[in-house]
Amino acid sequence: MDLSGTVIGPMKLPLLGPLDTRDFRSPVIHIMNLQATYRFKTFELFAGVKNILNFKPPSNSIARAFDPFDTGVEFGSDGQVISTPNNPNALSFDPSYVYYSNQGTNAFLGIRYHIK
């Protein structure tokens, strides 16, 4: 059995402007993984689970993920995004806020064969 983990402290996150309602710091992240291995004479059987606690960043981590080409974004004469009824927080597509993988819990199974 192998239990491993990672703890990542809070990080400063980039906001897109004064109207961006997302938090400017990430929470403390704790990722735990578990793997079990059973050895035979020439091969091993292993199985495990990654991200047991199912940590995922919030769904708003990628600003305007539904509009990656900014087709619904209006820009002012200075090139800055302006607030509109369809975009009240004046955001454009931006994945830089993502601070950890968007994958949740994953299971795996495998075989290792040893050649001597």
N, C-alpha and C. Protein backbone atom coordinates (compact mmCIF):
# COMPACT_ATOMS: atom_id res chain seq x y z
N MET A 1 0.85 -1.19 0.00
CA MET A 1 0.00 0.00 0.00
C MET A 1 0.89 1.24 0.00
N ASP A 2 0.46 2.21 -0.73
CA ASP A 2 1.19 3.47 -0.80
C ASP A 2 0.17 4.61 -0.74
N LEU A 3 0.27 5.42 0.30
CA LEU A 3 -0.58 6.60 0.45
C LEU A 3 0.33 7.81 0.33
N SER A 4 0.06 8.66 -0.64
CA SER A 4 0.86 9.86 -0.83
C SER A 4 -0.06 11.06 -0.94
N GLY A 5 0.52 12.22 -0.71
CA GLY A 5 -0.30 13.42 -0.77
C GLY A 5 0.53 14.66 -1.00
N THR A 6 -0.16 15.71 -1.33
CA THR A 6 0.45 17.01 -1.56
C THR A 6 -0.42 18.07 -0.90
N VAL A 7 0.22 18.98 -0.21
CA VAL A 7 -0.49 20.13 0.35
C VAL A 7 0.09 21.38 -0.30
N ILE A 8 -0.78 22.18 -0.87
CA ILE A 8 -0.37 23.43 -1.52
C ILE A 8 -1.07 24.57 -0.80
N GLY A 9 -0.28 25.50 -0.30
CA GLY A 9 -0.83 26.64 0.43
C GLY A 9 -1.53 27.62 -0.48
N PRO A 10 -2.14 28.65 0.09
CA PRO A 10 -2.85 29.64 -0.72
C PRO A 10 -1.91 30.38 -1.67
N MET A 11 -2.42 30.66 -2.86
CA MET A 11 -1.64 31.38 -3.87
C MET A 11 -2.40 32.64 -4.27
N LYS A 12 -1.66 33.68 -4.62
CA LYS A 12 -2.29 34.87 -5.17
C LYS A 12 -2.73 34.56 -6.60
N LEU A 13 -3.93 34.96 -6.94
CA LEU A 13 -4.49 34.67 -8.26
C LEU A 13 -4.75 35.96 -9.02
N PRO A 14 -4.57 35.95 -10.34
CA PRO A 14 -4.78 37.17 -11.12
C PRO A 14 -6.27 37.44 -11.34
N LEU A 15 -6.68 38.66 -11.10
CA LEU A 15 -8.05 39.08 -11.39
C LEU A 15 -8.02 39.94 -12.65
N LEU A 16 -9.14 39.98 -13.35
CA LEU A 16 -9.20 40.69 -14.63
C LEU A 16 -9.60 42.16 -14.50
N GLY A 17 -9.87 42.61 -13.31
CA GLY A 17 -10.24 44.01 -13.13
C GLY A 17 -11.01 44.21 -11.84
N PRO A 18 -11.42 45.43 -11.57
CA PRO A 18 -12.12 45.73 -10.31
C PRO A 18 -13.50 45.08 -10.21
N LEU A 19 -14.11 44.68 -11.31
CA LEU A 19 -15.44 44.07 -11.28
C LEU A 19 -15.38 42.54 -11.19
N ASP A 20 -14.18 41.97 -11.24
CA ASP A 20 -14.01 40.50 -11.17
C ASP A 20 -14.36 40.05 -9.75
N THR A 21 -15.39 39.21 -9.62
CA THR A 21 -15.89 38.80 -8.30
C THR A 21 -15.20 37.56 -7.74
N ARG A 22 -14.26 36.98 -8.47
CA ARG A 22 -13.57 35.79 -7.99
C ARG A 22 -12.61 36.16 -6.85
N ASP A 23 -12.29 35.19 -6.00
CA ASP A 23 -11.39 35.41 -4.87
C ASP A 23 -9.97 35.63 -5.38
N PHE A 24 -9.22 36.52 -4.74
CA PHE A 24 -7.86 36.80 -5.19
C PHE A 24 -6.84 35.82 -4.61
N ARG A 25 -7.29 34.89 -3.76
CA ARG A 25 -6.41 33.85 -3.20
C ARG A 25 -7.07 32.49 -3.37
N SER A 26 -6.25 31.49 -3.64
CA SER A 26 -6.77 30.13 -3.73
C SER A 26 -6.86 29.54 -2.32
N PRO A 27 -7.70 28.53 -2.13
CA PRO A 27 -7.75 27.87 -0.83
C PRO A 27 -6.55 26.94 -0.67
N VAL A 28 -6.35 26.42 0.52
CA VAL A 28 -5.34 25.39 0.73
C VAL A 28 -5.83 24.12 0.03
N ILE A 29 -4.95 23.50 -0.74
CA ILE A 29 -5.30 22.33 -1.52
C ILE A 29 -4.62 21.11 -0.90
N HIS A 30 -5.36 20.03 -0.72
CA HIS A 30 -4.80 18.78 -0.21
C HIS A 30 -5.20 17.66 -1.16
N ILE A 31 -4.22 17.14 -1.86
CA ILE A 31 -4.45 16.06 -2.81
C ILE A 31 -3.90 14.77 -2.21
N MET A 32 -4.73 13.73 -2.16
CA MET A 32 -4.30 12.43 -1.63
C MET A 32 -4.46 11.36 -2.70
N ASN A 33 -3.46 10.46 -2.78
CA ASN A 33 -3.46 9.36 -3.73
C ASN A 33 -3.21 8.05 -2.98
N LEU A 34 -3.82 6.98 -3.43
CA LEU A 34 -3.65 5.67 -2.80
C LEU A 34 -3.37 4.65 -3.90
N GLN A 35 -2.37 3.79 -3.66
CA GLN A 35 -2.06 2.73 -4.61
C GLN A 35 -1.75 1.46 -3.85
N ALA A 36 -2.28 0.34 -4.33
CA ALA A 36 -2.00 -0.98 -3.77
C ALA A 36 -1.33 -1.82 -4.85
N THR A 37 -0.30 -2.57 -4.46
CA THR A 37 0.44 -3.42 -5.39
C THR A 37 0.52 -4.83 -4.83
N TYR A 38 0.27 -5.82 -5.67
CA TYR A 38 0.41 -7.22 -5.28
C TYR A 38 1.45 -7.84 -6.21
N ARG A 39 2.51 -8.43 -5.63
CA ARG A 39 3.61 -8.98 -6.41
C ARG A 39 3.49 -10.49 -6.54
N PHE A 40 3.64 -10.96 -7.78
CA PHE A 40 3.78 -12.38 -8.07
C PHE A 40 5.25 -12.61 -8.40
N LYS A 41 5.62 -13.75 -8.95
CA LYS A 41 7.03 -14.03 -9.24
C LYS A 41 7.62 -13.09 -10.29
N THR A 42 6.95 -12.94 -11.42
CA THR A 42 7.52 -12.12 -12.50
C THR A 42 6.69 -10.90 -12.86
N PHE A 43 5.57 -10.71 -12.23
CA PHE A 43 4.78 -9.53 -12.55
C PHE A 43 4.09 -8.98 -11.31
N GLU A 44 3.62 -7.76 -11.45
CA GLU A 44 2.91 -7.07 -10.37
C GLU A 44 1.55 -6.63 -10.88
N LEU A 45 0.58 -6.67 -10.03
CA LEU A 45 -0.76 -6.14 -10.30
C LEU A 45 -0.92 -4.92 -9.41
N PHE A 46 -1.35 -3.79 -9.96
CA PHE A 46 -1.52 -2.60 -9.12
C PHE A 46 -2.81 -1.89 -9.47
N ALA A 47 -3.35 -1.21 -8.49
CA ALA A 47 -4.58 -0.42 -8.64
C ALA A 47 -4.51 0.75 -7.68
N GLY A 48 -5.22 1.80 -8.02
CA GLY A 48 -5.19 2.95 -7.14
C GLY A 48 -6.23 3.99 -7.48
N VAL A 49 -6.24 5.00 -6.65
CA VAL A 49 -7.14 6.13 -6.81
C VAL A 49 -6.33 7.40 -6.62
N LYS A 50 -6.48 8.34 -7.55
CA LYS A 50 -5.82 9.65 -7.44
C LYS A 50 -6.87 10.68 -7.05
N ASN A 51 -6.45 11.66 -6.29
CA ASN A 51 -7.31 12.76 -5.84
C ASN A 51 -8.53 12.20 -5.10
N ILE A 52 -8.26 11.44 -4.06
CA ILE A 52 -9.32 10.78 -3.28
C ILE A 52 -10.35 11.79 -2.76
N LEU A 53 -9.89 12.96 -2.36
CA LEU A 53 -10.80 13.97 -1.79
C LEU A 53 -11.59 14.72 -2.86
N ASN A 54 -11.35 14.39 -4.14
CA ASN A 54 -12.08 14.96 -5.27
C ASN A 54 -12.00 16.49 -5.31
N PHE A 55 -10.80 17.03 -5.08
CA PHE A 55 -10.63 18.48 -5.16
C PHE A 55 -10.65 18.93 -6.60
N LYS A 56 -11.42 19.96 -6.89
CA LYS A 56 -11.45 20.62 -8.20
C LYS A 56 -11.62 22.12 -7.94
N PRO A 57 -10.98 22.95 -8.73
CA PRO A 57 -11.20 24.39 -8.59
C PRO A 57 -12.65 24.74 -8.90
N PRO A 58 -13.12 25.91 -8.47
CA PRO A 58 -14.51 26.29 -8.76
C PRO A 58 -14.77 26.39 -10.26
N SER A 59 -16.01 26.27 -10.64
CA SER A 59 -16.37 26.26 -12.06
C SER A 59 -16.10 27.60 -12.75
N ASN A 60 -15.95 28.68 -12.00
CA ASN A 60 -15.67 29.98 -12.62
C ASN A 60 -14.17 30.26 -12.73
N SER A 61 -13.33 29.22 -12.59
CA SER A 61 -11.88 29.42 -12.66
C SER A 61 -11.43 29.93 -14.02
N ILE A 62 -12.06 29.47 -15.08
CA ILE A 62 -11.75 30.00 -16.42
C ILE A 62 -12.84 31.02 -16.74
N ALA A 63 -12.44 32.27 -16.76
CA ALA A 63 -13.40 33.34 -17.02
C ALA A 63 -13.98 33.19 -18.42
N ARG A 64 -15.30 33.23 -18.52
CA ARG A 64 -16.03 33.13 -19.80
C ARG A 64 -15.57 31.94 -20.63
N ALA A 65 -15.51 30.77 -20.00
CA ALA A 65 -15.09 29.54 -20.69
C ALA A 65 -16.02 29.21 -21.85
N PHE A 66 -17.24 29.67 -21.79
CA PHE A 66 -18.22 29.42 -22.86
C PHE A 66 -17.99 30.31 -24.08
N ASP A 67 -17.08 31.27 -23.99
CA ASP A 67 -16.84 32.23 -25.07
C ASP A 67 -15.33 32.40 -25.29
N PRO A 68 -14.62 31.35 -25.77
CA PRO A 68 -13.16 31.44 -25.86
C PRO A 68 -12.64 32.43 -26.90
N PHE A 69 -13.47 32.88 -27.82
CA PHE A 69 -13.02 33.84 -28.82
C PHE A 69 -13.55 35.24 -28.55
N ASP A 70 -14.11 35.45 -27.36
CA ASP A 70 -14.61 36.77 -26.94
C ASP A 70 -15.61 37.37 -27.92
N THR A 71 -16.47 36.54 -28.49
CA THR A 71 -17.47 37.05 -29.42
C THR A 71 -18.54 37.88 -28.72
N GLY A 72 -18.77 37.64 -27.43
CA GLY A 72 -19.77 38.40 -26.69
C GLY A 72 -19.17 39.47 -25.79
N VAL A 73 -17.93 39.83 -26.04
CA VAL A 73 -17.22 40.83 -25.22
C VAL A 73 -17.09 42.12 -26.01
N GLU A 74 -17.36 43.23 -25.34
CA GLU A 74 -17.19 44.54 -25.98
C GLU A 74 -16.01 45.26 -25.37
N PHE A 75 -15.22 45.89 -26.21
CA PHE A 75 -14.02 46.60 -25.79
C PHE A 75 -14.21 48.09 -25.97
N GLY A 76 -13.66 48.88 -25.06
CA GLY A 76 -13.70 50.33 -25.17
C GLY A 76 -12.62 50.83 -26.11
N SER A 77 -12.57 52.13 -26.31
CA SER A 77 -11.58 52.72 -27.23
C SER A 77 -10.16 52.53 -26.73
N ASP A 78 -9.99 52.30 -25.41
CA ASP A 78 -8.65 52.08 -24.86
C ASP A 78 -8.25 50.61 -24.89
N GLY A 79 -9.11 49.74 -25.43
CA GLY A 79 -8.80 48.32 -25.53
C GLY A 79 -9.20 47.50 -24.32
N GLN A 80 -9.76 48.14 -23.32
CA GLN A 80 -10.19 47.44 -22.11
C GLN A 80 -11.61 46.93 -22.28
N VAL A 81 -11.90 45.79 -21.62
CA VAL A 81 -13.24 45.23 -21.68
C VAL A 81 -14.20 46.14 -20.92
N ILE A 82 -15.38 46.39 -21.50
CA ILE A 82 -16.36 47.23 -20.81
C ILE A 82 -17.53 46.37 -20.33
N SER A 83 -18.14 46.83 -19.27
CA SER A 83 -19.28 46.13 -18.68
C SER A 83 -20.52 46.32 -19.55
N THR A 84 -21.19 45.20 -19.83
CA THR A 84 -22.43 45.22 -20.61
C THR A 84 -23.45 44.36 -19.88
N PRO A 85 -24.73 44.41 -20.26
CA PRO A 85 -25.72 43.54 -19.61
C PRO A 85 -25.39 42.05 -19.75
N ASN A 86 -24.77 41.63 -20.86
CA ASN A 86 -24.38 40.24 -21.05
C ASN A 86 -23.05 39.89 -20.38
N ASN A 87 -22.30 40.90 -19.97
CA ASN A 87 -20.99 40.72 -19.34
C ASN A 87 -20.83 41.77 -18.24
N PRO A 88 -21.61 41.67 -17.14
CA PRO A 88 -21.62 42.72 -16.12
C PRO A 88 -20.30 42.87 -15.36
N ASN A 89 -19.47 41.83 -15.34
CA ASN A 89 -18.20 41.92 -14.61
C ASN A 89 -17.03 42.31 -15.51
N ALA A 90 -17.30 42.64 -16.75
CA ALA A 90 -16.28 43.08 -17.71
C ALA A 90 -15.13 42.08 -17.81
N LEU A 91 -15.48 40.81 -18.06
CA LEU A 91 -14.47 39.76 -18.17
C LEU A 91 -14.29 39.34 -19.62
N SER A 92 -13.11 38.89 -19.96
CA SER A 92 -12.84 38.25 -21.25
C SER A 92 -12.33 36.84 -20.95
N PHE A 93 -12.27 35.99 -21.97
CA PHE A 93 -11.80 34.63 -21.77
C PHE A 93 -10.39 34.67 -21.18
N ASP A 94 -10.19 33.96 -20.06
CA ASP A 94 -8.89 33.97 -19.40
C ASP A 94 -8.71 32.71 -18.57
N PRO A 95 -7.82 31.80 -18.97
CA PRO A 95 -7.57 30.59 -18.19
C PRO A 95 -6.46 30.74 -17.16
N SER A 96 -5.87 31.92 -16.99
CA SER A 96 -4.73 32.08 -16.08
C SER A 96 -5.10 31.96 -14.61
N TYR A 97 -6.36 31.97 -14.27
CA TYR A 97 -6.81 31.88 -12.88
C TYR A 97 -6.77 30.43 -12.38
N VAL A 98 -6.69 29.46 -13.27
CA VAL A 98 -6.71 28.04 -12.88
C VAL A 98 -5.46 27.73 -12.07
N TYR A 99 -5.63 27.21 -10.87
CA TYR A 99 -4.49 26.95 -10.00
C TYR A 99 -4.29 25.48 -9.69
N TYR A 100 -5.12 24.60 -10.24
CA TYR A 100 -4.92 23.17 -10.11
C TYR A 100 -5.72 22.46 -11.19
N SER A 101 -5.42 21.20 -11.39
CA SER A 101 -6.07 20.41 -12.43
C SER A 101 -7.59 20.41 -12.26
N ASN A 102 -8.31 20.42 -13.35
CA ASN A 102 -9.77 20.36 -13.31
C ASN A 102 -10.29 18.94 -13.24
N GLN A 103 -9.41 17.96 -13.16
CA GLN A 103 -9.83 16.56 -13.05
C GLN A 103 -10.14 16.23 -11.60
N GLY A 104 -11.18 15.49 -11.39
CA GLY A 104 -11.54 15.04 -10.05
C GLY A 104 -10.87 13.71 -9.75
N THR A 105 -11.57 12.85 -9.04
CA THR A 105 -11.05 11.55 -8.65
C THR A 105 -10.89 10.65 -9.88
N ASN A 106 -9.76 9.96 -9.96
CA ASN A 106 -9.47 9.03 -11.06
C ASN A 106 -8.99 7.71 -10.48
N ALA A 107 -9.43 6.61 -11.05
CA ALA A 107 -8.96 5.29 -10.65
C ALA A 107 -8.10 4.71 -11.77
N PHE A 108 -7.18 3.83 -11.40
CA PHE A 108 -6.34 3.19 -12.41
C PHE A 108 -6.04 1.76 -11.99
N LEU A 109 -5.69 0.94 -12.99
CA LEU A 109 -5.40 -0.47 -12.80
C LEU A 109 -4.32 -0.84 -13.80
N GLY A 110 -3.35 -1.66 -13.39
CA GLY A 110 -2.28 -2.00 -14.33
C GLY A 110 -1.53 -3.26 -13.95
N ILE A 111 -0.68 -3.68 -14.89
CA ILE A 111 0.17 -4.85 -14.72
C ILE A 111 1.60 -4.45 -15.10
N ARG A 112 2.57 -4.89 -14.30
CA ARG A 112 3.98 -4.70 -14.62
C ARG A 112 4.61 -6.09 -14.77
N TYR A 113 5.37 -6.28 -15.82
CA TYR A 113 6.05 -7.54 -16.04
C TYR A 113 7.55 -7.30 -15.90
N HIS A 114 8.23 -8.07 -15.10
CA HIS A 114 9.67 -7.90 -14.86
C HIS A 114 10.47 -8.90 -15.69
N ILE A 115 11.37 -8.39 -16.50
CA ILE A 115 12.26 -9.22 -17.32
C ILE A 115 13.63 -9.22 -16.66
N LYS A 116 14.15 -10.40 -16.41
CA LYS A 116 15.47 -10.50 -15.77
C LYS A 116 16.50 -11.02 -16.71
